[in-house]
Amino acid sequence: MKQAHDYHKALYAAENSTSPASDEDFVRTAAFIDGCVYQAQGVSTRDCPPDFAEAYRRYLGAWLEVSNVVKAHPHMEGFVENSVKNIFRGLAGDFKGPERDQVEWQEWVKQLEQAQANVESNGTEVEALAARYGAQ
């Protein structure tokens, strides 16, 4: 149970230290989460109390949900790409394009916040059970 709890702390630390600035950063972040979850799934919970083992499985599933949302992020445009696209939009009379882009990002952020909330609630349960069973 101690090893499972250590992975829990490592995932939180990693999440709080990332700030993607490109599509590649999002890919790396999702790959890191997937790698941590894969390793954490290898931790045997056979000798753990059943409620802790189940909470831990839900918690790892919540992290996979975050990873999937991160992978589905809208394309992050660079300054030049965004400028050229908006020039062509303007020439075509499409003045709502930037607004549509903003809505797409806002919807994605809502999905990410929901996934992170699931991690938080499941993580709180893992923390509480770890404390109850002395795995701090």
Foldseek 3Di string as FASTA:
>chain_A
DLVLLVLLVVLVVLVVPADDDFLVSLVVSLVVLVVSLVVSVPDDCPVPPPVLVVLSVQLSVLSNQLSVLSNVADHRDDPVVVVVVVVVCVVVVNPCVVVVVVVSRVVSVVSNVVSVVSNVVSSVVNVVSCVVVVSD
